[in-house]
N, C-alpha and C. Protein backbone atom coordinates (compact mmCIF):
# COMPACT_ATOMS: atom_id res chain seq x y z
N UNK A 1 -12.07 22.55 -20.02
CA UNK A 1 -13.04 21.67 -20.26
C UNK A 1 -13.49 21.54 -21.91
N UNK A 2 -13.44 20.52 -22.34
CA UNK A 2 -14.22 20.48 -23.53
C UNK A 2 -15.62 20.60 -24.02
N UNK A 3 -15.74 21.31 -25.04
CA UNK A 3 -16.92 21.70 -25.70
C UNK A 3 -18.28 20.61 -25.64
N UNK A 4 -17.77 19.59 -26.14
CA UNK A 4 -18.92 18.15 -25.69
C UNK A 4 -19.32 18.31 -24.54
N UNK A 5 -18.41 18.53 -23.57
CA UNK A 5 -19.01 18.13 -22.26
C UNK A 5 -19.94 18.86 -21.57
N UNK A 6 -19.30 20.26 -21.86
CA UNK A 6 -19.78 21.84 -21.74
C UNK A 6 -21.50 21.81 -22.35
N UNK A 7 -21.69 21.42 -23.51
CA UNK A 7 -23.02 21.29 -23.98
C UNK A 7 -23.80 19.97 -23.78
N UNK A 8 -23.26 19.03 -23.40
CA UNK A 8 -23.86 17.83 -22.62
C UNK A 8 -24.55 18.13 -21.20
N UNK A 9 -23.44 18.96 -20.24
CA UNK A 9 -23.84 19.35 -19.22
C UNK A 9 -25.12 20.50 -19.09
N UNK A 10 -25.18 21.33 -20.15
CA UNK A 10 -26.11 22.13 -20.05
C UNK A 10 -27.42 21.65 -20.56
N UNK A 11 -27.47 20.65 -21.43
CA UNK A 11 -28.61 20.08 -21.79
C UNK A 11 -29.14 19.15 -20.95
N UNK A 12 -28.21 18.14 -20.41
CA UNK A 12 -28.83 17.41 -19.16
C UNK A 12 -29.44 18.10 -17.97
N UNK A 13 -28.48 18.84 -17.34
CA UNK A 13 -28.64 19.66 -16.24
C UNK A 13 -29.90 20.51 -16.48
N UNK A 14 -29.85 21.20 -17.74
CA UNK A 14 -30.80 22.09 -18.05
C UNK A 14 -32.19 21.54 -17.98
N UNK A 15 -32.38 20.21 -18.44
CA UNK A 15 -33.37 19.84 -18.49
C UNK A 15 -34.34 19.40 -16.95
N UNK A 16 -33.28 19.24 -16.05
CA UNK A 16 -33.80 18.97 -14.55
C UNK A 16 -33.93 20.32 -13.98
N UNK A 17 -33.38 21.19 -14.18
CA UNK A 17 -33.47 22.49 -13.93
C UNK A 17 -34.62 23.03 -14.41
N UNK A 18 -35.13 23.00 -15.47
CA UNK A 18 -35.97 23.48 -16.14
C UNK A 18 -37.22 23.06 -15.51
N UNK A 19 -37.37 21.65 -15.27
CA UNK A 19 -38.28 20.72 -14.47
C UNK A 19 -38.31 21.17 -13.00
N UNK A 20 -37.26 21.55 -12.51
CA UNK A 20 -37.23 21.88 -11.10
C UNK A 20 -38.34 23.35 -11.13
N UNK A 21 -38.04 24.03 -12.11
CA UNK A 21 -38.51 25.46 -11.94
C UNK A 21 -40.15 25.17 -12.18
N UNK A 22 -40.31 24.39 -12.84
CA UNK A 22 -41.56 24.03 -13.23
C UNK A 22 -42.56 23.26 -12.19
N UNK A 23 -41.77 22.86 -11.16
CA UNK A 23 -42.42 22.07 -9.98
C UNK A 23 -43.13 23.45 -9.42
N UNK A 24 -42.38 24.69 -9.19
CA UNK A 24 -42.79 25.92 -8.34
C UNK A 24 -43.78 26.42 -9.35
N UNK A 25 -43.65 26.64 -10.52
CA UNK A 25 -44.71 27.69 -11.50
C UNK A 25 -46.03 26.77 -11.42
N UNK A 26 -46.38 25.41 -11.48
CA UNK A 26 -47.14 24.87 -11.74
C UNK A 26 -47.59 23.86 -10.37
N UNK A 27 -47.39 24.57 -9.35
CA UNK A 27 -46.90 24.08 -7.65
C UNK A 27 -48.69 23.35 -7.56
N UNK A 28 -49.68 24.27 -7.50
CA UNK A 28 -51.08 23.99 -7.29
C UNK A 28 -51.47 22.41 -7.94
N UNK A 29 -51.03 22.61 -9.32
CA UNK A 29 -51.66 21.44 -10.19
C UNK A 29 -50.84 20.28 -9.90
N UNK A 30 -49.78 20.58 -9.84
CA UNK A 30 -49.03 19.43 -9.53
C UNK A 30 -49.08 18.70 -8.26
N UNK A 31 -49.65 19.52 -7.20
CA UNK A 31 -49.70 18.79 -5.98
C UNK A 31 -51.17 18.31 -6.28
N UNK A 32 -52.01 18.81 -6.52
CA UNK A 32 -53.15 17.85 -6.98
C UNK A 32 -52.98 16.46 -7.34
N UNK A 33 -52.30 16.70 -8.33
CA UNK A 33 -51.73 15.33 -9.32
C UNK A 33 -51.52 14.54 -8.16
N UNK A 34 -50.41 14.98 -7.46
CA UNK A 34 -49.67 14.02 -6.53
C UNK A 34 -50.43 13.56 -5.18
N UNK A 35 -51.42 14.52 -4.90
CA UNK A 35 -52.67 13.90 -3.98
C UNK A 35 -53.05 12.71 -4.65
N UNK A 36 -53.84 13.02 -6.02
CA UNK A 36 -54.65 11.79 -6.27
C UNK A 36 -53.86 10.64 -6.75
N UNK A 37 -52.09 10.48 -6.73
CA UNK A 37 -51.85 9.39 -6.64
C UNK A 37 -51.55 8.75 -5.38
N UNK A 38 -52.07 9.48 -4.20
CA UNK A 38 -51.97 8.99 -3.04
C UNK A 38 -50.63 9.53 -2.17
N UNK A 39 -49.71 10.40 -2.46
CA UNK A 39 -48.69 10.42 -1.89
C UNK A 39 -48.96 11.61 -0.70
N UNK A 40 -48.26 11.17 0.40
CA UNK A 40 -48.87 12.19 1.74
C UNK A 40 -48.35 13.74 1.69
N UNK A 41 -48.59 14.75 2.26
CA UNK A 41 -48.13 15.78 2.17
C UNK A 41 -47.69 16.09 0.83
N UNK A 42 -48.63 16.23 -0.27
CA UNK A 42 -48.56 16.54 -1.47
C UNK A 42 -47.93 17.93 -1.66
N UNK A 43 -48.36 18.81 -1.23
CA UNK A 43 -48.01 20.37 -0.87
C UNK A 43 -45.86 20.30 -0.80
N UNK A 44 -45.57 19.66 0.31
CA UNK A 44 -44.25 19.48 0.68
C UNK A 44 -43.71 18.84 -0.11
N UNK A 45 -44.27 17.64 -0.72
CA UNK A 45 -43.81 16.86 -1.76
C UNK A 45 -43.14 17.32 -3.01
N UNK A 46 -44.21 18.11 -3.68
CA UNK A 46 -43.84 18.73 -4.54
C UNK A 46 -42.71 19.93 -4.47
N UNK A 47 -42.82 20.66 -3.39
CA UNK A 47 -41.63 21.57 -3.02
C UNK A 47 -40.45 21.00 -2.75
N UNK A 48 -40.28 19.87 -2.15
CA UNK A 48 -39.28 19.11 -2.13
C UNK A 48 -38.55 18.71 -3.12
N UNK A 49 -39.19 18.12 -3.96
CA UNK A 49 -38.65 17.53 -5.46
C UNK A 49 -38.47 18.85 -6.35
N UNK A 50 -39.15 19.75 -6.22
CA UNK A 50 -38.77 20.79 -6.84
C UNK A 50 -37.43 21.34 -6.58
N UNK A 51 -37.04 21.50 -5.32
CA UNK A 51 -35.86 22.24 -4.63
C UNK A 51 -35.12 21.17 -5.08
N UNK A 52 -34.99 19.76 -4.93
CA UNK A 52 -34.14 18.72 -5.53
C UNK A 52 -33.57 18.78 -6.96
N UNK A 53 -34.62 18.82 -7.73
CA UNK A 53 -34.49 19.23 -9.24
C UNK A 53 -33.79 20.54 -9.45
N UNK A 54 -34.22 21.73 -8.83
CA UNK A 54 -33.70 22.79 -9.15
C UNK A 54 -32.20 22.94 -9.09
N UNK A 55 -32.11 22.49 -7.52
CA UNK A 55 -30.39 22.40 -7.43
C UNK A 55 -29.64 21.53 -7.87
N UNK A 56 -30.18 20.60 -8.08
CA UNK A 56 -29.50 19.22 -9.06
C UNK A 56 -29.07 19.79 -10.49
N UNK A 57 -30.17 20.06 -10.95
CA UNK A 57 -29.96 20.49 -12.39
C UNK A 57 -28.97 21.79 -12.30
N UNK A 58 -29.12 22.92 -11.43
CA UNK A 58 -28.00 23.98 -11.36
C UNK A 58 -26.84 23.45 -11.16
N UNK A 59 -26.74 22.57 -10.57
CA UNK A 59 -25.34 22.22 -10.12
C UNK A 59 -24.60 21.59 -11.43
N UNK A 60 -25.37 20.75 -12.08
CA UNK A 60 -24.82 20.00 -13.57
C UNK A 60 -24.57 21.14 -14.28
N UNK A 61 -25.56 22.17 -14.60
CA UNK A 61 -25.24 23.19 -15.46
C UNK A 61 -24.19 23.70 -14.98
N UNK A 62 -23.67 24.22 -14.14
CA UNK A 62 -22.62 25.31 -13.58
C UNK A 62 -21.54 24.46 -13.26
N UNK A 63 -21.63 22.87 -13.10
CA UNK A 63 -20.34 22.14 -12.88
C UNK A 63 -19.85 22.64 -11.42
N UNK A 64 -20.74 22.84 -10.25
CA UNK A 64 -20.44 23.26 -9.17
C UNK A 64 -20.70 22.14 -8.34
N UNK A 65 -19.94 21.40 -7.67
CA UNK A 65 -20.53 20.29 -6.95
C UNK A 65 -21.20 19.17 -7.82
N UNK A 66 -20.86 18.74 -9.01
CA UNK A 66 -21.61 18.12 -9.82
C UNK A 66 -21.94 16.84 -9.21
N UNK A 67 -21.16 16.16 -8.60
CA UNK A 67 -21.42 14.64 -7.84
C UNK A 67 -22.68 15.00 -7.17
N UNK A 68 -22.89 16.05 -6.17
CA UNK A 68 -24.08 16.41 -5.46
C UNK A 68 -25.38 16.46 -6.59
N UNK A 69 -25.02 17.18 -7.33
CA UNK A 69 -26.14 17.60 -8.23
C UNK A 69 -26.82 16.21 -8.62
N UNK A 70 -25.77 15.43 -9.27
CA UNK A 70 -26.35 14.04 -9.79
C UNK A 70 -26.84 13.26 -8.74
N UNK A 71 -26.35 13.45 -7.44
CA UNK A 71 -27.13 12.49 -6.43
C UNK A 71 -28.59 13.05 -6.07
N UNK A 72 -28.60 14.41 -6.38
CA UNK A 72 -30.28 15.03 -6.09
C UNK A 72 -31.03 14.46 -7.25
N UNK A 73 -30.35 14.50 -8.54
CA UNK A 73 -31.40 14.18 -9.51
C UNK A 73 -31.85 12.80 -9.68
N UNK A 74 -30.40 11.76 -9.22
CA UNK A 74 -30.77 10.24 -8.94
C UNK A 74 -31.67 10.19 -7.87
N UNK A 75 -31.48 10.82 -6.78
CA UNK A 75 -32.46 10.54 -5.72
C UNK A 75 -34.16 10.77 -5.92
N UNK A 76 -34.08 11.84 -6.85
CA UNK A 76 -35.58 12.18 -7.06
C UNK A 76 -36.25 11.15 -8.20
N UNK A 77 -35.30 10.80 -8.94
CA UNK A 77 -35.48 9.77 -10.12
C UNK A 77 -36.50 8.44 -9.20
N UNK A 78 -35.07 8.15 -8.35
CA UNK A 78 -35.19 6.68 -7.83
C UNK A 78 -36.40 6.67 -6.76
N UNK A 79 -36.71 7.98 -6.32
CA UNK A 79 -37.63 8.34 -5.05
C UNK A 79 -39.15 8.43 -5.57
N UNK A 80 -39.08 8.91 -6.65
CA UNK A 80 -40.51 9.49 -7.06
C UNK A 80 -40.90 8.67 -8.10
N UNK A 81 -40.09 8.04 -8.97
CA UNK A 81 -40.59 7.06 -10.30
C UNK A 81 -41.76 6.14 -9.73
N UNK A 82 -41.22 5.17 -8.67
CA UNK A 82 -42.28 4.22 -8.62
C UNK A 82 -43.71 4.94 -8.06
N UNK A 83 -43.84 5.71 -7.08
CA UNK A 83 -44.75 6.30 -6.83
C UNK A 83 -45.71 6.79 -7.61
N UNK A 84 -45.33 7.78 -8.86
CA UNK A 84 -45.85 8.21 -9.80
C UNK A 84 -45.96 7.75 -11.18
N UNK A 85 -45.28 6.70 -11.44
CA UNK A 85 -45.43 6.06 -12.47
C UNK A 85 -45.59 4.33 -12.29
N UNK A 86 -46.49 4.41 -11.37
CA UNK A 86 -46.73 2.94 -11.33
C UNK A 86 -47.71 2.09 -12.00
N UNK A 87 -47.21 1.98 -12.99
CA UNK A 87 -47.82 1.28 -14.28
C UNK A 87 -48.32 -0.21 -13.99
N UNK A 88 -47.94 -0.84 -12.97
CA UNK A 88 -48.60 -2.35 -12.41
C UNK A 88 -49.92 -1.81 -12.22
N UNK A 89 -50.29 -1.01 -11.35
CA UNK A 89 -51.37 -0.84 -10.83
C UNK A 89 -52.59 -0.41 -11.81
N UNK A 90 -51.93 0.23 -13.26
CA UNK A 90 -53.05 0.75 -13.84
C UNK A 90 -53.72 -0.32 -14.64
N UNK A 91 -55.07 -0.17 -14.77
CA UNK A 91 -55.87 -1.06 -15.37
C UNK A 91 -56.16 -0.86 -17.11
N UNK A 92 -56.49 0.33 -17.26
CA UNK A 92 -56.60 0.70 -18.57
C UNK A 92 -55.25 0.41 -19.53
N UNK A 93 -55.47 -0.56 -20.47
CA UNK A 93 -54.10 -0.76 -21.09
C UNK A 93 -53.52 0.44 -21.74
N UNK A 94 -53.82 1.51 -22.09
CA UNK A 94 -53.41 2.62 -22.87
C UNK A 94 -52.56 3.13 -22.02
N UNK A 95 -53.30 3.74 -20.60
CA UNK A 95 -52.39 4.56 -19.70
C UNK A 95 -51.35 3.51 -19.15
N UNK A 96 -51.39 2.17 -18.84
CA UNK A 96 -50.56 1.21 -18.58
C UNK A 96 -49.30 1.67 -19.59
N UNK A 97 -49.45 1.45 -20.67
CA UNK A 97 -48.42 1.41 -21.66
C UNK A 97 -47.87 2.99 -21.04
N UNK A 98 -48.64 3.87 -21.43
CA UNK A 98 -47.78 5.27 -21.44
C UNK A 98 -47.38 5.62 -20.00
N UNK A 99 -47.77 4.76 -19.00
CA UNK A 99 -46.80 5.05 -17.70
C UNK A 99 -45.58 3.94 -17.96
N UNK A 100 -45.55 3.07 -18.65
CA UNK A 100 -44.42 1.76 -18.43
C UNK A 100 -43.41 2.70 -19.04
N UNK A 101 -43.65 3.20 -20.35
CA UNK A 101 -42.82 4.19 -21.39
C UNK A 101 -42.20 5.18 -20.45
N UNK A 102 -43.17 5.73 -19.79
CA UNK A 102 -42.38 7.25 -19.10
C UNK A 102 -41.20 6.42 -17.82
N UNK A 103 -42.00 5.38 -17.30
CA UNK A 103 -40.96 4.61 -16.47
C UNK A 103 -39.68 4.25 -16.98
N UNK A 104 -39.89 3.62 -17.83
CA UNK A 104 -38.58 3.50 -18.75
C UNK A 104 -37.46 4.23 -18.90
N UNK A 105 -38.21 5.40 -19.61
CA UNK A 105 -37.35 6.68 -19.77
C UNK A 105 -36.74 7.05 -18.61
N UNK A 106 -37.26 7.45 -17.50
CA UNK A 106 -37.10 7.53 -16.20
C UNK A 106 -35.92 6.56 -15.76
N UNK A 107 -35.80 5.61 -16.01
CA UNK A 107 -34.83 4.74 -15.26
C UNK A 107 -33.86 4.61 -16.42
N UNK A 108 -33.99 5.12 -17.70
CA UNK A 108 -32.57 5.34 -18.41
C UNK A 108 -31.73 6.71 -18.01
N UNK A 109 -32.57 7.86 -17.69
CA UNK A 109 -32.39 8.98 -17.25
C UNK A 109 -31.43 8.79 -15.57
N UNK A 110 -31.90 7.88 -15.03
CA UNK A 110 -30.97 7.61 -13.72
C UNK A 110 -29.88 7.22 -13.71
N UNK A 111 -29.48 6.35 -15.06
CA UNK A 111 -27.98 6.02 -14.94
C UNK A 111 -27.05 7.01 -15.62
N UNK A 112 -27.73 8.06 -16.28
CA UNK A 112 -26.76 9.27 -16.97
C UNK A 112 -25.88 9.98 -15.92
N UNK A 113 -26.42 10.33 -14.66
CA UNK A 113 -25.81 11.33 -14.03
C UNK A 113 -24.40 10.43 -13.66
N UNK A 114 -24.29 9.53 -13.66
CA UNK A 114 -22.92 8.62 -12.91
C UNK A 114 -22.17 8.30 -14.13
N UNK A 115 -22.53 8.61 -15.39
CA UNK A 115 -21.95 8.33 -16.50
C UNK A 115 -20.50 9.54 -16.65
């Protein structure tokens, strides 16, 4: 395997692996935020998305079943983004722009696992 692919896999997969672990380390705070967004069963939602990110990121980093890892990451991004970054619902112009920017970056990430 070529070095650039290994580096890309480590950086890209590592980003999601880190964030998956972060879901568990900051579970309580994240669950409160998820609850404030109106997501049902916030504790379960944070744990489930943490598992998807951790396993997906690890899969991409290690190169073990990377297609499944990419599917886990893509499923997380596609499922969570519209709920958590609903810029169309935000009235404050600064917050709306921040959510819009975050949403745009997430949709760019969504295409990457498949390249």
